[in-house]
Every structure is written in C-alpha cells, then in structure tokens.
Amino acid sequence: QVRLVESGGGLVQPGGSLTLTCTASGFTFSDSAMRWYRQVPGQEREWLASISDDGELTNHAVPFQDRFRISRDNAKNTAYLQMKNLKPEDTAVYYCQGHESWGPGTQVTVSS
C-alpha cells in the first residue's frame, strides 16, 4: 500500500523557517520523482517544487525559488521542503506527491 505522510508543519512567526518532511512507504521511493504542493482553502492546489528520483534535478516554482528548497534522502525514503523567510501568505496546507499518490497534508500557519 502506497503511503505518503507529511510532517513538520505548525505555527511560525513571519520571517521564520520550517522544514517539512514527507515519509514514503509501499513503493520503491528511489524510482519516483517527488513534488510539493500547497493549498489555501478556496484556492487551487499550487505546485511548489519537484525533485527527480535520484535527487540530481530539482525545479522550483519561480515565486518560491529564493525561499523554498526541495531535497530527498533515498536511504530514508524521505523528501523535504525547506522553507525560509516565511510570510503570512505562505499559510496553507502543504502536500507531498509521488508515485501517483498524495499525502494528507500538513498545516503551516505563519502568524505573529
């Protein structure tokens, strides 16, 4: 059974940093590209970043490429999204996606 679980969300002050973790199971993680998205209630899900199966290639959405960084550790079946200089408008549910599956999401709230 394919399973993706996000963690690391929470409440952070503006200007702060968070690292989100996506833990995968049920498939060969090192064979799958991984992606991060986010969604604000009432809005469409927004793509943030992608990473190739071997981690050699990454791509970040232009609005976030200076503040967000995707990475992975295939030995741990884990993908990460490092976020810095967070802003209130980054408040959203963050999702990882891979192997045609989605995690349940983790809430990130940026507020003072």
N, C-alpha and C. Protein backbone atom coordinates (compact mmCIF):
# COMPACT_ATOMS: atom_id res chain seq x y z
N GLN A 1 0.84 -1.19 0.00
CA GLN A 1 0.00 0.00 0.00
C GLN A 1 0.88 1.24 0.00
N VAL A 2 0.68 2.07 -1.00
CA VAL A 2 1.44 3.30 -1.10
C VAL A 2 0.97 4.29 -0.03
N ARG A 3 1.93 4.88 0.66
CA ARG A 3 1.58 5.83 1.71
C ARG A 3 2.61 6.96 1.73
N LEU A 4 2.09 8.17 1.79
CA LEU A 4 2.91 9.37 1.95
C LEU A 4 2.38 10.11 3.16
N VAL A 5 3.27 10.51 4.03
CA VAL A 5 2.85 11.23 5.24
C VAL A 5 3.73 12.46 5.41
N GLU A 6 3.11 13.61 5.44
CA GLU A 6 3.82 14.86 5.66
C GLU A 6 3.89 15.17 7.16
N SER A 7 4.95 15.83 7.55
CA SER A 7 5.09 16.29 8.93
C SER A 7 5.96 17.53 8.95
N GLY A 8 5.99 18.18 10.10
CA GLY A 8 6.84 19.36 10.25
C GLY A 8 6.12 20.68 10.17
N GLY A 9 4.84 20.64 9.87
CA GLY A 9 4.09 21.89 9.83
C GLY A 9 3.86 22.42 11.23
N GLY A 10 3.28 23.60 11.29
CA GLY A 10 2.98 24.21 12.58
C GLY A 10 2.85 25.69 12.45
N LEU A 11 2.92 26.34 13.61
CA LEU A 11 2.81 27.80 13.67
C LEU A 11 4.22 28.39 13.71
N VAL A 12 4.45 29.34 12.85
CA VAL A 12 5.76 30.00 12.80
C VAL A 12 5.54 31.49 12.61
N GLN A 13 6.43 32.28 13.17
CA GLN A 13 6.32 33.73 13.02
C GLN A 13 6.81 34.17 11.65
N PRO A 14 6.32 35.28 11.16
CA PRO A 14 6.84 35.81 9.89
C PRO A 14 8.36 35.96 9.96
N GLY A 15 8.99 35.56 8.88
CA GLY A 15 10.44 35.58 8.82
C GLY A 15 11.10 34.31 9.29
N GLY A 16 10.31 33.42 9.86
CA GLY A 16 10.84 32.17 10.37
C GLY A 16 11.04 31.12 9.30
N SER A 17 11.49 29.96 9.74
CA SER A 17 11.78 28.85 8.83
C SER A 17 11.11 27.57 9.32
N LEU A 18 10.84 26.71 8.38
CA LEU A 18 10.32 25.38 8.67
C LEU A 18 10.88 24.41 7.65
N THR A 19 11.05 23.18 8.07
CA THR A 19 11.38 22.10 7.14
C THR A 19 10.28 21.05 7.22
N LEU A 20 9.64 20.84 6.11
CA LEU A 20 8.61 19.81 6.01
C LEU A 20 9.23 18.50 5.56
N THR A 21 8.69 17.42 6.07
CA THR A 21 9.18 16.09 5.76
C THR A 21 8.05 15.26 5.16
N CYS A 22 8.37 14.50 4.16
CA CYS A 22 7.43 13.57 3.54
C CYS A 22 8.04 12.18 3.63
N THR A 23 7.41 11.32 4.39
CA THR A 23 7.90 9.96 4.56
C THR A 23 7.06 9.02 3.71
N ALA A 24 7.74 8.23 2.89
CA ALA A 24 7.07 7.37 1.92
C ALA A 24 7.22 5.90 2.28
N SER A 25 6.23 5.12 1.88
CA SER A 25 6.30 3.68 2.05
C SER A 25 5.40 3.02 1.02
N GLY A 26 5.64 1.74 0.78
CA GLY A 26 4.78 0.97 -0.11
C GLY A 26 5.16 0.99 -1.57
N PHE A 27 6.26 1.67 -1.90
CA PHE A 27 6.75 1.66 -3.26
C PHE A 27 8.25 1.92 -3.23
N THR A 28 8.89 1.74 -4.38
CA THR A 28 10.33 1.96 -4.46
C THR A 28 10.57 3.46 -4.58
N PHE A 29 10.88 4.06 -3.46
CA PHE A 29 10.97 5.51 -3.37
C PHE A 29 12.00 6.06 -4.36
N SER A 30 13.11 5.37 -4.50
CA SER A 30 14.20 5.86 -5.35
C SER A 30 13.87 5.80 -6.84
N ASP A 31 12.72 5.24 -7.18
CA ASP A 31 12.28 5.20 -8.58
C ASP A 31 11.29 6.32 -8.90
N SER A 32 10.95 7.12 -7.94
CA SER A 32 9.86 8.08 -8.11
C SER A 32 10.31 9.51 -7.90
N ALA A 33 10.00 10.36 -8.88
CA ALA A 33 10.12 11.79 -8.65
C ALA A 33 9.13 12.19 -7.56
N MET A 34 9.47 13.26 -6.86
CA MET A 34 8.59 13.74 -5.79
C MET A 34 8.31 15.22 -5.98
N ARG A 35 7.19 15.64 -5.47
CA ARG A 35 6.76 17.03 -5.64
C ARG A 35 6.12 17.53 -4.35
N TRP A 36 6.19 18.83 -4.17
CA TRP A 36 5.48 19.50 -3.08
C TRP A 36 4.49 20.49 -3.68
N TYR A 37 3.34 20.55 -3.06
CA TYR A 37 2.28 21.48 -3.42
C TYR A 37 1.76 22.13 -2.13
N ARG A 38 0.97 23.15 -2.32
CA ARG A 38 0.24 23.70 -1.19
C ARG A 38 -1.13 24.16 -1.64
N GLN A 39 -2.02 24.29 -0.68
CA GLN A 39 -3.38 24.72 -1.00
C GLN A 39 -3.94 25.57 0.12
N VAL A 40 -4.44 26.72 -0.27
CA VAL A 40 -5.17 27.61 0.62
C VAL A 40 -6.65 27.32 0.44
N PRO A 41 -7.41 27.26 1.52
CA PRO A 41 -8.86 26.99 1.37
C PRO A 41 -9.50 27.94 0.36
N GLY A 42 -10.27 27.35 -0.56
CA GLY A 42 -10.95 28.14 -1.57
C GLY A 42 -10.12 28.42 -2.80
N GLN A 43 -8.85 27.96 -2.78
CA GLN A 43 -7.98 28.17 -3.93
C GLN A 43 -7.52 26.83 -4.49
N GLU A 44 -6.98 26.87 -5.69
CA GLU A 44 -6.48 25.65 -6.31
C GLU A 44 -5.15 25.24 -5.67
N ARG A 45 -4.89 23.94 -5.74
CA ARG A 45 -3.61 23.45 -5.25
C ARG A 45 -2.50 24.01 -6.13
N GLU A 46 -1.42 24.43 -5.50
CA GLU A 46 -0.35 25.15 -6.18
C GLU A 46 0.94 24.34 -6.11
N TRP A 47 1.56 24.12 -7.26
CA TRP A 47 2.82 23.39 -7.30
C TRP A 47 3.95 24.28 -6.79
N LEU A 48 4.82 23.69 -5.98
CA LEU A 48 5.94 24.43 -5.40
C LEU A 48 7.29 23.98 -5.94
N ALA A 49 7.50 22.66 -5.97
CA ALA A 49 8.83 22.17 -6.33
C ALA A 49 8.76 20.70 -6.69
N SER A 50 9.74 20.27 -7.49
CA SER A 50 9.88 18.87 -7.88
C SER A 50 11.33 18.45 -7.75
N ILE A 51 11.51 17.15 -7.55
CA ILE A 51 12.86 16.60 -7.50
C ILE A 51 12.86 15.26 -8.21
N SER A 52 13.90 15.00 -8.97
CA SER A 52 13.99 13.76 -9.72
C SER A 52 14.20 12.58 -8.78
N ASP A 53 14.06 11.38 -9.34
CA ASP A 53 14.15 10.19 -8.50
C ASP A 53 15.50 10.04 -7.81
N ASP A 54 16.55 10.47 -8.47
CA ASP A 54 17.88 10.36 -7.87
C ASP A 54 18.31 11.63 -7.14
N GLY A 55 17.46 12.63 -7.14
CA GLY A 55 17.77 13.86 -6.44
C GLY A 55 18.69 14.80 -7.20
N GLU A 56 19.08 14.44 -8.40
CA GLU A 56 20.05 15.26 -9.12
C GLU A 56 19.42 16.50 -9.74
N LEU A 57 18.15 16.40 -10.06
CA LEU A 57 17.47 17.51 -10.72
C LEU A 57 16.36 18.05 -9.83
N THR A 58 16.33 19.34 -9.65
CA THR A 58 15.27 19.98 -8.92
C THR A 58 14.71 21.13 -9.74
N ASN A 59 13.47 21.46 -9.45
CA ASN A 59 12.80 22.55 -10.12
C ASN A 59 11.88 23.21 -9.11
N HIS A 60 11.95 24.51 -9.04
CA HIS A 60 11.13 25.24 -8.09
C HIS A 60 10.29 26.28 -8.81
N ALA A 61 9.06 26.43 -8.37
CA ALA A 61 8.21 27.46 -8.94
C ALA A 61 8.87 28.82 -8.73
N VAL A 62 8.83 29.64 -9.74
CA VAL A 62 9.55 30.91 -9.71
C VAL A 62 9.25 31.75 -8.47
N PRO A 63 7.99 31.87 -8.06
CA PRO A 63 7.72 32.73 -6.89
C PRO A 63 8.40 32.25 -5.60
N PHE A 64 8.85 30.99 -5.58
CA PHE A 64 9.36 30.44 -4.32
C PHE A 64 10.82 30.03 -4.40
N GLN A 65 11.44 30.17 -5.54
CA GLN A 65 12.77 29.58 -5.71
C GLN A 65 13.83 30.23 -4.84
N ASP A 66 13.56 31.40 -4.33
CA ASP A 66 14.54 32.04 -3.45
C ASP A 66 14.34 31.67 -1.99
N ARG A 67 13.19 31.09 -1.66
CA ARG A 67 12.90 30.82 -0.25
C ARG A 67 12.67 29.35 0.07
N PHE A 68 12.31 28.56 -0.93
CA PHE A 68 12.00 27.14 -0.70
C PHE A 68 13.06 26.27 -1.38
N ARG A 69 13.33 25.13 -0.77
CA ARG A 69 14.32 24.21 -1.34
C ARG A 69 13.86 22.78 -1.12
N ILE A 70 13.71 22.03 -2.21
CA ILE A 70 13.33 20.63 -2.12
C ILE A 70 14.58 19.76 -2.09
N SER A 71 14.50 18.67 -1.34
CA SER A 71 15.60 17.71 -1.31
C SER A 71 15.02 16.34 -0.96
N ARG A 72 15.86 15.34 -0.97
CA ARG A 72 15.41 13.99 -0.64
C ARG A 72 16.56 13.18 -0.09
N ASP A 73 16.21 12.14 0.64
CA ASP A 73 17.16 11.16 1.13
C ASP A 73 16.58 9.79 0.80
N ASN A 74 17.08 9.19 -0.26
CA ASN A 74 16.51 7.91 -0.70
C ASN A 74 16.78 6.80 0.31
N ALA A 75 17.82 6.92 1.07
CA ALA A 75 18.10 5.90 2.08
C ALA A 75 17.05 5.92 3.19
N LYS A 76 16.39 7.06 3.37
CA LYS A 76 15.37 7.19 4.40
C LYS A 76 13.96 7.25 3.83
N ASN A 77 13.84 7.08 2.51
CA ASN A 77 12.52 7.17 1.87
C ASN A 77 11.81 8.47 2.24
N THR A 78 12.55 9.55 2.19
CA THR A 78 12.04 10.82 2.69
C THR A 78 12.37 11.96 1.74
N ALA A 79 11.41 12.83 1.56
CA ALA A 79 11.61 14.07 0.83
C ALA A 79 11.39 15.23 1.79
N TYR A 80 12.01 16.34 1.48
CA TYR A 80 11.96 17.50 2.36
C TYR A 80 11.61 18.75 1.57
N LEU A 81 11.04 19.70 2.28
CA LEU A 81 10.87 21.04 1.74
C LEU A 81 11.33 22.02 2.81
N GLN A 82 12.46 22.64 2.55
CA GLN A 82 12.98 23.66 3.46
C GLN A 82 12.40 25.00 3.05
N MET A 83 11.85 25.70 4.02
CA MET A 83 11.23 26.99 3.75
C MET A 83 11.81 28.04 4.70
N LYS A 84 12.17 29.16 4.15
CA LYS A 84 12.73 30.23 4.97
C LYS A 84 12.04 31.53 4.66
N ASN A 85 12.27 32.51 5.54
CA ASN A 85 11.65 33.82 5.38
C ASN A 85 10.15 33.70 5.10
N LEU A 86 9.50 32.93 5.93
CA LEU A 86 8.08 32.66 5.70
C LEU A 86 7.24 33.91 5.92
N LYS A 87 6.17 34.00 5.14
CA LYS A 87 5.28 35.15 5.15
C LYS A 87 3.87 34.68 5.50
N PRO A 88 3.03 35.57 6.00
CA PRO A 88 1.65 35.17 6.30
C PRO A 88 0.94 34.53 5.10
N GLU A 89 1.25 34.97 3.91
CA GLU A 89 0.61 34.40 2.73
C GLU A 89 1.10 32.99 2.40
N ASP A 90 2.10 32.50 3.12
CA ASP A 90 2.52 31.11 2.97
C ASP A 90 1.64 30.17 3.79
N THR A 91 0.73 30.71 4.56
CA THR A 91 -0.19 29.88 5.33
C THR A 91 -1.03 29.04 4.39
N ALA A 92 -0.96 27.72 4.57
CA ALA A 92 -1.63 26.79 3.67
C ALA A 92 -1.45 25.38 4.21
N VAL A 93 -2.12 24.45 3.58
CA VAL A 93 -1.83 23.03 3.81
C VAL A 93 -0.83 22.60 2.73
N TYR A 94 0.22 21.97 3.17
CA TYR A 94 1.30 21.56 2.28
C TYR A 94 1.24 20.05 2.06
N TYR A 95 1.36 19.66 0.80
CA TYR A 95 1.22 18.25 0.41
C TYR A 95 2.46 17.78 -0.34
N CYS A 96 2.81 16.53 -0.11
CA CYS A 96 3.79 15.91 -0.99
C CYS A 96 3.06 14.95 -1.93
N GLN A 97 3.66 14.74 -3.09
CA GLN A 97 3.06 13.90 -4.12
C GLN A 97 4.15 13.08 -4.79
N GLY A 98 3.83 11.81 -5.02
CA GLY A 98 4.76 10.94 -5.72
C GLY A 98 4.10 9.60 -5.97
N HIS A 99 4.58 8.92 -7.01
CA HIS A 99 4.04 7.60 -7.36
C HIS A 99 2.52 7.66 -7.48
N GLU A 100 2.03 8.74 -8.06
CA GLU A 100 0.60 8.93 -8.31
C GLU A 100 -0.21 8.96 -7.02
N SER A 101 0.42 9.32 -5.93
CA SER A 101 -0.27 9.36 -4.65
C SER A 101 0.01 10.68 -3.94
N TRP A 102 -0.88 10.99 -2.99
CA TRP A 102 -0.77 12.21 -2.21
C TRP A 102 -0.79 11.87 -0.73
N GLY A 103 -0.08 12.69 0.03
CA GLY A 103 -0.23 12.60 1.47
C GLY A 103 -1.44 13.39 1.93
N PRO A 104 -1.76 13.31 3.21
CA PRO A 104 -2.93 14.03 3.74
C PRO A 104 -2.67 15.50 3.96
N GLY A 105 -1.40 15.90 3.93
CA GLY A 105 -1.07 17.31 4.10
C GLY A 105 -0.68 17.65 5.52
N THR A 106 0.05 18.75 5.64
CA THR A 106 0.42 19.29 6.94
C THR A 106 0.17 20.80 6.92
N GLN A 107 -0.43 21.29 7.97
CA GLN A 107 -0.80 22.70 8.03
C GLN A 107 0.40 23.56 8.42
N VAL A 108 0.62 24.61 7.67
CA VAL A 108 1.61 25.61 8.01
C VAL A 108 0.88 26.93 8.22
N THR A 109 1.08 27.53 9.37
CA THR A 109 0.47 28.81 9.68
C THR A 109 1.56 29.81 10.02
N VAL A 110 1.59 30.89 9.29
CA VAL A 110 2.59 31.93 9.51
C VAL A 110 1.87 33.14 10.09
N SER A 111 2.14 33.40 11.35
CA SER A 111 1.43 34.47 12.04
C SER A 111 2.22 34.91 13.26
N SER A 112 2.09 36.18 13.58
CA SER A 112 2.72 36.69 14.79
C SER A 112 1.74 36.65 15.96
